[in-house]
Amino acid sequence: MKSKGKKGSFTAAPPGEPSRSDLIPLSRPHVPKGTLRGLGAILRGRHLAAGPVTAAFEAALEGLTAPEVVTVNSGTTALMLLLRALKDHRGRGEEVVVPAYCCPSVFWAVRSADLRPVVADTDPATFAYDAGDLKRRLTKKTLAVVVVHTFGTVNPQALWDLPFPIEDCAHTVGCRRGGRPVGALAEAAFFSFYATKLLHTAYGGAARAPSAIAARIRDYKLTDSVSKGTPRGYNVSLSDLLAFLGLAQLAEIDAVVAKRRRIARAYDAALAGSGLLVPRDYGSDACYRYVVRLAGTPIEEARAFFRSRGITANRPYETPLFLLGDAGAYPGAREIYDRVLALPLFYDLTRDEVLKVKGALRDFAAGL
C-alpha cells in the first residue's frame, strides 16, 4: 500500500470498516438493455456529433414537457444560455434570484451570464424558498427567479406569480403536478443530464423556453452564430452518442420513477413513527434523493453508522450554494445542511440492497 500523499495513493478504510468501493453508493447510472447495440450502430454510421439522434432526443423531451427544447453539454450551460437569451429578449433586468440551498452550479451559471445572483433563503421544512425572504429579494432589477425542484419534490412556487420563473428540473424529469408536466409549469425550464440524474447522458443538459428565446439559445450554442448577429457563440452542442443514452432512458422513464417510488415507500415503512421521515407526495415526487431529517444525532455520527453497515450516507450537497458566501445569513439552508442526510436510491438497486438499507434505517431509528 502506498503512503498517503504520493501519486496514485489512497487512504484505506479503518480496520473492520468497508472500503468505499464496497459500500452501496448513493446512485448508480442506469443503462437500459440494448444501449450498447444502439451506440455501436451510431459509431458504425460515423455521425458522432449533433445530428438526427440529438434532434430526436429534443423532440422526445418536448413530448415529455413542452416545446421548445434545446439540448446542450450541461445543465449549467443550459441555464447560462437561457439567461443570456432572456436578457437579450427583454433588454432589462440584471438580477436573478436563486435559492440558498441548491447546487452551486446554479450560482455560477448566473455569473457566467454576466448577471448578478441574489440569494434567498430556503425553507427547511419544504426545501422551497422561504416565502418571506424571497419576497424581500425581488426588485425592479429582477430578471428571473430560479425555482428548484429539490430532491425530486415538485416545488409549487413554479406556479407563483413571479418575475419569469425558471424551473430547475435536474431532479424531476418525467413528473407531473396537477396534470401538467414538470418543465412546463413555469415560463421556462432547464435540465441536467449528469450521470447521477434520473435521466442521464453522462454529461448534458437542456433548456426549454418560449420560441423567441429558444431560437436565441440555438444561436448561442453554435460557434458560427456570430454570422447570425449573436454577440458570442459557444461550442456546446450535445452529440448523437450522448443523446442516444438519453433517448434509451426516456423510453423507460415511467418505470424508473415508479420503481424509485416503491423503494422510497419501503424505506418509509422502516422509519414509521421515528420522526426521521421527510413527507413527500408520491403522486408527483420523482424520488431523486431519499433524505431523512436528523434531530439530535450529529450528521457525521449518522454517516458513520450507515458506513459501518456498508451503506453510503452523505449530505445531498457537500457544498451547497449558501456556503459560497455569508453562510450565517441563511439559517434555513444551514439547518438543511446540518440535519438532512441522503441514502441510496436508484433504479438498479437490487432487492438485497434495498433490504440492507431498510434494515439499517430501522436499526438507526430504533437507537434514537
Protein backbone atom coordinates (compact mmCIF):
# COMPACT_ATOMS: atom_id res chain seq x y z
CA MET A 1 0.00 0.00 0.00
CA LYS A 2 1.38 3.39 -0.95
CA SER A 3 1.57 6.05 1.70
CA LYS A 4 -0.88 8.94 1.80
CA GLY A 5 0.12 11.92 -0.32
CA LYS A 6 2.11 10.11 -3.00
CA LYS A 7 0.93 9.96 -6.57
CA GLY A 8 -1.55 7.12 -7.02
CA SER A 9 -2.01 6.70 -3.27
CA PHE A 10 -5.26 6.03 -1.49
CA THR A 11 -6.47 6.00 2.06
CA ALA A 12 -7.53 2.62 3.36
CA ALA A 13 -10.69 2.23 5.41
CA PRO A 14 -10.14 1.77 9.16
CA PRO A 15 -9.85 -1.88 10.26
CA GLY A 16 -13.24 -3.55 10.33
CA GLU A 17 -14.92 -0.95 8.11
CA PRO A 18 -15.84 -1.48 4.44
CA SER A 19 -13.85 0.42 1.83
CA ARG A 20 -15.65 2.98 -0.31
CA SER A 21 -15.84 0.54 -3.22
CA ASP A 22 -17.69 -1.96 -1.01
CA LEU A 23 -20.39 0.49 0.05
CA ILE A 24 -23.81 0.69 -1.58
CA PRO A 25 -23.49 4.05 -3.39
CA LEU A 26 -25.97 6.92 -3.31
CA SER A 27 -26.55 6.48 -7.03
CA ARG A 28 -25.59 4.22 -9.91
CA PRO A 29 -26.21 5.23 -13.54
CA HIS A 30 -28.88 3.18 -15.29
CA VAL A 31 -28.02 1.79 -18.72
CA PRO A 32 -31.04 0.20 -20.44
CA LYS A 33 -30.72 -3.09 -22.30
CA GLY A 34 -29.78 -2.60 -25.93
CA THR A 35 -27.89 0.62 -25.27
CA LEU A 36 -24.52 -0.78 -26.32
CA ARG A 37 -26.03 -2.13 -29.53
CA GLY A 38 -27.52 1.27 -30.33
CA LEU A 39 -24.29 3.09 -29.60
CA GLY A 40 -22.46 0.64 -31.86
CA ALA A 41 -24.83 1.46 -34.72
CA ILE A 42 -24.10 5.18 -34.30
CA LEU A 43 -20.36 4.53 -34.28
CA ARG A 44 -20.63 2.45 -37.44
CA GLY A 45 -22.64 5.24 -39.07
CA ARG A 46 -19.76 7.65 -38.37
CA HIS A 47 -22.07 10.56 -37.43
CA LEU A 48 -20.90 11.26 -33.88
CA ALA A 49 -21.57 14.99 -33.40
CA ALA A 50 -25.01 16.58 -33.02
CA GLY A 51 -27.32 15.24 -35.70
CA PRO A 52 -30.52 13.24 -36.17
CA VAL A 53 -30.31 11.43 -32.83
CA THR A 54 -29.87 14.68 -30.94
CA ALA A 55 -32.86 16.12 -32.82
CA ALA A 56 -34.91 13.04 -31.91
CA PHE A 57 -33.92 13.41 -28.26
CA GLU A 58 -35.03 17.05 -28.26
CA ALA A 59 -38.36 16.07 -29.84
CA ALA A 60 -38.88 13.35 -27.22
CA LEU A 61 -38.15 15.83 -24.42
CA GLU A 62 -40.69 18.22 -25.92
CA GLY A 63 -43.24 15.40 -25.88
CA LEU A 64 -42.47 14.86 -22.19
CA THR A 65 -42.57 18.57 -21.25
CA ALA A 66 -43.43 21.24 -23.85
CA PRO A 67 -41.94 22.94 -26.92
CA GLU A 68 -39.18 24.38 -27.41
CA VAL A 69 -36.33 22.26 -26.03
CA VAL A 70 -32.67 22.91 -26.87
CA THR A 71 -30.03 20.39 -25.75
CA VAL A 72 -26.51 21.43 -24.73
CA ASN A 73 -23.49 19.95 -22.97
CA SER A 74 -24.57 20.51 -19.33
CA GLY A 75 -27.29 21.87 -17.10
CA THR A 76 -25.03 24.76 -16.13
CA THR A 77 -24.64 25.73 -19.79
CA ALA A 78 -28.40 25.38 -20.32
CA LEU A 79 -29.19 27.89 -17.57
CA MET A 80 -26.41 30.26 -18.63
CA LEU A 81 -27.60 30.40 -22.25
CA LEU A 82 -31.24 30.63 -21.20
CA LEU A 83 -30.44 33.67 -19.06
CA ARG A 84 -28.36 35.30 -21.79
CA ALA A 85 -31.16 34.79 -24.30
CA LEU A 86 -33.76 36.08 -21.84
CA LYS A 87 -31.74 39.24 -21.17
CA ASP A 88 -31.35 39.79 -24.94
CA HIS A 89 -35.09 39.31 -25.42
CA ARG A 90 -36.25 41.56 -22.59
CA GLY A 91 -33.48 44.12 -22.68
CA ARG A 92 -33.75 44.84 -18.97
CA GLY A 93 -33.13 43.17 -15.62
CA GLU A 94 -29.75 42.26 -14.19
CA GLU A 95 -30.53 40.18 -11.11
CA VAL A 96 -31.52 36.50 -10.87
CA VAL A 97 -32.90 35.14 -7.60
CA VAL A 98 -31.51 31.72 -6.63
CA PRO A 99 -32.12 29.53 -3.56
CA ALA A 100 -29.54 29.37 -0.79
CA TYR A 101 -29.76 25.59 -0.66
CA CYS A 102 -29.08 24.18 -4.12
CA CYS A 103 -26.23 23.07 -6.37
CA PRO A 104 -23.60 25.84 -6.61
CA SER A 105 -23.60 25.40 -10.40
CA VAL A 106 -26.79 27.49 -10.43
CA PHE A 107 -24.85 30.41 -8.96
CA TRP A 108 -22.02 30.04 -11.46
CA ALA A 109 -24.42 29.85 -14.38
CA VAL A 110 -25.89 33.21 -13.40
CA ARG A 111 -22.45 34.74 -13.05
CA SER A 112 -21.38 33.27 -16.40
CA ALA A 113 -24.37 35.01 -17.99
CA ASP A 114 -22.94 38.32 -16.71
CA LEU A 115 -25.84 38.71 -14.31
CA ARG A 116 -25.98 39.15 -10.52
CA PRO A 117 -27.15 36.22 -8.37
CA VAL A 118 -29.41 37.28 -5.50
CA VAL A 119 -29.61 34.53 -2.89
CA ALA A 120 -32.86 33.93 -0.97
CA ASP A 121 -33.08 31.55 1.97
CA THR A 122 -34.59 28.06 1.78
CA ASP A 123 -37.44 26.82 3.98
CA PRO A 124 -36.03 23.78 5.84
CA ALA A 125 -39.48 22.21 6.11
CA THR A 126 -40.29 22.21 2.37
CA PHE A 127 -36.89 22.75 0.63
CA ALA A 128 -38.60 25.51 -1.37
CA TYR A 129 -37.90 29.23 -0.97
CA ASP A 130 -38.56 30.88 2.36
CA ALA A 131 -41.55 32.86 1.06
CA GLY A 132 -40.85 35.97 3.12
CA ASP A 133 -37.19 36.13 2.18
CA LEU A 134 -38.00 35.53 -1.49
CA LYS A 135 -40.43 38.46 -1.48
CA ARG A 136 -37.78 40.73 0.08
CA ARG A 137 -35.26 39.82 -2.66
CA LEU A 138 -37.50 40.78 -5.58
CA THR A 139 -36.84 44.23 -7.07
CA LYS A 140 -37.34 46.13 -10.31
CA LYS A 141 -33.95 44.74 -11.35
CA THR A 142 -35.10 41.11 -11.09
CA LEU A 143 -34.81 39.37 -14.46
CA ALA A 144 -35.80 35.86 -13.36
CA VAL A 145 -36.31 33.54 -10.39
CA VAL A 146 -34.83 30.03 -10.43
CA VAL A 147 -37.27 27.58 -8.81
CA VAL A 148 -35.57 24.30 -7.87
CA HIS A 149 -37.48 21.02 -7.56
CA THR A 150 -35.19 19.84 -4.77
CA PHE A 151 -34.57 16.09 -4.30
CA GLY A 152 -37.34 15.32 -6.80
CA THR A 153 -40.12 17.10 -4.89
CA VAL A 154 -42.12 19.35 -7.21
CA ASN A 155 -41.89 22.93 -5.98
CA PRO A 156 -45.31 24.65 -6.23
CA GLN A 157 -43.58 28.04 -6.32
CA ALA A 158 -43.04 27.39 -10.04
CA LEU A 159 -46.73 28.27 -10.38
CA TRP A 160 -46.49 31.53 -8.40
CA ASP A 161 -46.75 34.96 -9.97
CA LEU A 162 -43.01 35.63 -10.06
CA PRO A 163 -40.80 37.61 -12.46
CA PHE A 164 -40.07 35.00 -15.16
CA PRO A 165 -39.82 31.81 -13.05
CA ILE A 166 -37.39 29.20 -14.40
CA GLU A 167 -37.76 25.60 -13.25
CA ASP A 168 -34.65 23.65 -12.30
CA CYS A 169 -35.74 20.15 -13.36
CA ALA A 170 -32.46 18.31 -12.73
CA HIS A 171 -34.21 16.09 -10.16
CA THR A 172 -37.70 15.73 -11.62
CA VAL A 173 -37.75 14.53 -15.25
CA GLY A 174 -40.93 12.61 -16.00
CA CYS A 175 -43.11 14.00 -13.20
CA ARG A 176 -46.41 15.86 -13.26
CA ARG A 177 -48.30 18.17 -10.93
CA GLY A 178 -52.00 18.80 -11.35
CA GLY A 179 -51.91 17.11 -14.75
CA ARG A 180 -49.13 19.37 -16.04
CA PRO A 181 -45.62 18.04 -16.73
CA VAL A 182 -42.67 19.33 -14.76
CA GLY A 183 -40.69 21.51 -17.12
CA ALA A 184 -43.89 23.14 -18.35
CA LEU A 185 -45.15 24.59 -15.05
CA ALA A 186 -43.29 27.89 -15.41
CA GLU A 187 -42.33 30.16 -18.29
CA ALA A 188 -39.05 28.32 -18.86
CA ALA A 189 -37.03 25.39 -17.52
CA PHE A 190 -33.64 23.75 -17.65
CA PHE A 191 -32.42 20.20 -17.10
CA SER A 192 -29.20 18.50 -16.11
CA PHE A 193 -28.44 15.08 -17.57
CA TYR A 194 -25.33 14.42 -15.48
CA ALA A 195 -24.55 10.76 -14.80
CA THR A 196 -26.21 10.68 -11.35
CA LYS A 197 -29.53 12.15 -12.50
CA LEU A 198 -32.86 10.41 -13.13
CA LEU A 199 -32.24 10.77 -16.85
CA HIS A 200 -28.59 10.98 -17.85
CA THR A 201 -26.40 11.37 -20.90
CA ALA A 202 -23.18 11.12 -18.82
CA TYR A 203 -22.81 14.88 -19.31
CA GLY A 204 -25.54 17.01 -20.83
CA GLY A 205 -28.40 19.39 -20.30
CA ALA A 206 -31.29 21.18 -21.96
CA ALA A 207 -33.29 24.39 -21.81
CA ARG A 208 -36.98 24.90 -22.60
CA ALA A 209 -38.24 28.40 -23.31
CA PRO A 210 -40.72 30.39 -25.42
CA SER A 211 -39.89 30.18 -29.12
CA ALA A 212 -38.14 33.56 -29.47
CA ILE A 213 -35.86 32.83 -26.52
CA ALA A 214 -35.25 29.23 -27.61
CA ALA A 215 -34.18 30.47 -31.07
CA ARG A 216 -31.66 32.76 -29.41
CA ILE A 217 -30.30 29.85 -27.34
CA ARG A 218 -29.82 27.83 -30.53
CA ASP A 219 -27.82 30.69 -31.99
CA TYR A 220 -25.69 30.99 -28.87
CA LYS A 221 -24.75 27.31 -28.77
CA LEU A 222 -23.13 27.35 -32.23
CA THR A 223 -19.65 28.69 -32.86
CA ASP A 224 -20.71 30.17 -36.22
CA SER A 225 -23.56 32.12 -34.65
CA VAL A 226 -21.71 35.46 -34.95
CA SER A 227 -22.84 35.46 -38.57
CA LYS A 228 -26.43 35.43 -37.30
CA GLY A 229 -25.94 38.54 -35.21
CA THR A 230 -25.33 36.82 -31.88
CA PRO A 231 -22.65 38.60 -29.83
CA ARG A 232 -20.89 35.39 -28.84
CA GLY A 233 -21.05 31.78 -29.95
CA TYR A 234 -20.28 28.67 -27.89
CA ASN A 235 -19.45 25.14 -28.97
CA VAL A 236 -21.77 23.41 -26.51
CA SER A 237 -23.95 21.01 -28.51
CA LEU A 238 -24.90 17.54 -27.30
CA SER A 239 -23.55 14.75 -29.52
CA ASP A 240 -25.61 11.97 -31.11
CA LEU A 241 -23.74 9.44 -28.98
CA LEU A 242 -24.75 11.07 -25.70
CA ALA A 243 -28.23 11.91 -26.94
CA PHE A 244 -28.80 8.21 -27.63
CA LEU A 245 -28.17 7.47 -23.94
CA GLY A 246 -30.94 9.91 -23.10
CA LEU A 247 -33.34 8.52 -25.70
CA ALA A 248 -32.87 4.98 -24.41
CA GLN A 249 -33.72 6.08 -20.87
CA LEU A 250 -36.67 8.25 -21.88
CA ALA A 251 -38.36 5.08 -23.11
CA GLU A 252 -38.19 3.75 -19.54
CA ILE A 253 -38.68 6.94 -17.53
CA ASP A 254 -42.11 5.97 -16.18
CA ALA A 255 -40.77 2.63 -14.95
CA VAL A 256 -37.72 4.32 -13.44
CA VAL A 257 -39.80 6.81 -11.45
CA ALA A 258 -42.27 4.11 -10.38
CA LYS A 259 -39.51 1.87 -9.01
CA ARG A 260 -37.88 4.76 -7.18
CA ARG A 261 -41.23 5.49 -5.53
CA ARG A 262 -41.59 1.84 -4.46
CA ILE A 263 -38.14 1.85 -2.90
CA ALA A 264 -38.81 5.13 -1.10
CA ARG A 265 -42.07 3.75 0.29
CA ALA A 266 -40.18 0.71 1.60
CA TYR A 267 -37.73 2.98 3.39
CA ASP A 268 -40.64 5.00 4.78
CA ALA A 269 -42.08 1.83 6.30
CA ALA A 270 -38.81 1.22 8.16
CA LEU A 271 -38.94 4.71 9.66
CA ALA A 272 -42.63 4.82 10.59
CA GLY A 273 -43.15 6.80 13.80
CA SER A 274 -39.47 7.73 14.14
CA GLY A 275 -39.61 11.44 13.36
CA LEU A 276 -36.95 10.98 10.68
CA LEU A 277 -39.39 10.93 7.79
CA VAL A 278 -39.47 13.75 5.26
CA PRO A 279 -43.04 13.92 3.87
CA ARG A 280 -43.44 13.60 0.10
CA ASP A 281 -46.32 13.48 -2.37
CA TYR A 282 -45.91 10.15 -4.13
CA GLY A 283 -48.33 11.27 -6.82
CA SER A 284 -45.82 13.81 -8.15
CA ASP A 285 -42.47 13.20 -6.44
CA ALA A 286 -39.69 11.73 -8.59
CA CYS A 287 -37.84 10.40 -5.51
CA TYR A 288 -34.48 11.52 -6.85
CA ARG A 289 -32.92 11.57 -3.38
CA TYR A 290 -34.17 9.72 -0.32
CA VAL A 291 -33.46 12.03 2.59
CA VAL A 292 -34.03 11.79 6.32
CA ARG A 293 -34.18 14.67 8.78
CA LEU A 294 -31.95 14.14 11.80
CA ALA A 295 -32.95 15.57 15.17
CA GLY A 296 -30.33 15.18 17.88
CA THR A 297 -27.84 12.93 16.08
CA PRO A 298 -24.82 14.76 14.62
CA ILE A 299 -24.65 14.22 10.88
CA GLU A 300 -21.13 12.73 10.97
CA GLU A 301 -22.22 10.22 13.60
CA ALA A 302 -25.14 9.16 11.41
CA ARG A 303 -22.86 8.83 8.37
CA ALA A 304 -20.51 6.63 10.37
CA PHE A 305 -23.38 4.38 11.46
CA PHE A 306 -24.53 3.71 7.90
CA ARG A 307 -20.97 3.30 6.67
CA SER A 308 -20.44 0.60 9.30
CA ARG A 309 -23.41 -1.19 7.74
CA GLY A 310 -21.91 -0.98 4.24
CA ILE A 311 -24.09 1.93 3.09
CA THR A 312 -23.16 5.36 1.76
CA ALA A 313 -24.94 8.21 3.54
CA ASN A 314 -23.97 11.76 2.64
CA ARG A 315 -25.21 15.29 2.70
CA PRO A 316 -27.24 15.74 -0.52
CA TYR A 317 -24.91 18.61 -1.42
CA GLU A 318 -21.50 18.61 0.25
CA THR A 319 -21.05 22.27 -0.75
CA PRO A 320 -24.47 23.90 -1.27
CA LEU A 321 -24.69 27.37 -2.74
CA PHE A 322 -25.04 29.29 0.54
CA LEU A 323 -21.57 28.19 1.68
CA LEU A 324 -20.06 30.28 -1.14
CA GLY A 325 -20.93 33.49 0.71
CA ASP A 326 -22.09 34.63 4.14
CA ALA A 327 -23.34 31.26 5.38
CA GLY A 328 -24.74 32.78 8.56
CA ALA A 329 -27.21 34.86 6.57
CA TYR A 330 -29.24 31.80 5.54
CA PRO A 331 -30.43 29.91 8.65
CA GLY A 332 -32.90 27.76 6.72
CA ALA A 333 -30.23 26.48 4.36
CA ARG A 334 -27.87 25.91 7.30
CA GLU A 335 -30.50 23.77 9.05
CA ILE A 336 -30.86 21.58 5.97
CA TYR A 337 -27.09 21.26 5.67
CA ASP A 338 -26.73 20.26 9.33
CA ARG A 339 -29.71 17.91 9.60
CA VAL A 340 -30.56 16.31 6.25
CA LEU A 341 -28.89 13.08 5.14
CA ALA A 342 -29.29 11.21 1.83
CA LEU A 343 -29.30 7.43 1.43
CA PRO A 344 -29.03 5.16 -1.64
CA LEU A 345 -31.94 5.42 -4.07
CA PHE A 346 -31.65 4.49 -7.74
CA TYR A 347 -33.33 2.29 -10.33
CA ASP A 348 -30.76 -0.52 -10.33
CA LEU A 349 -30.77 -1.13 -6.58
CA THR A 350 -31.10 -4.87 -6.07
CA ARG A 351 -33.66 -6.42 -3.75
CA ASP A 352 -30.89 -7.39 -1.31
CA GLU A 353 -29.51 -3.85 -1.33
CA VAL A 354 -32.94 -2.38 -0.63
CA LEU A 355 -33.43 -4.78 2.28
CA LYS A 356 -29.97 -3.90 3.62
CA VAL A 357 -30.72 -0.16 3.57
CA LYS A 358 -34.19 -0.73 5.00
CA GLY A 359 -32.77 -2.79 7.87
CA ALA A 360 -30.13 -0.19 8.65
CA LEU A 361 -32.77 2.56 8.67
CA ARG A 362 -34.91 0.56 11.06
CA ASP A 363 -31.96 -0.06 13.41
CA PHE A 364 -30.87 3.57 13.25
CA ALA A 365 -34.37 4.76 14.14
CA ALA A 366 -34.60 2.22 16.98
CA GLY A 367 -31.40 3.55 18.50
CA LEU A 368 -32.61 7.14 18.77
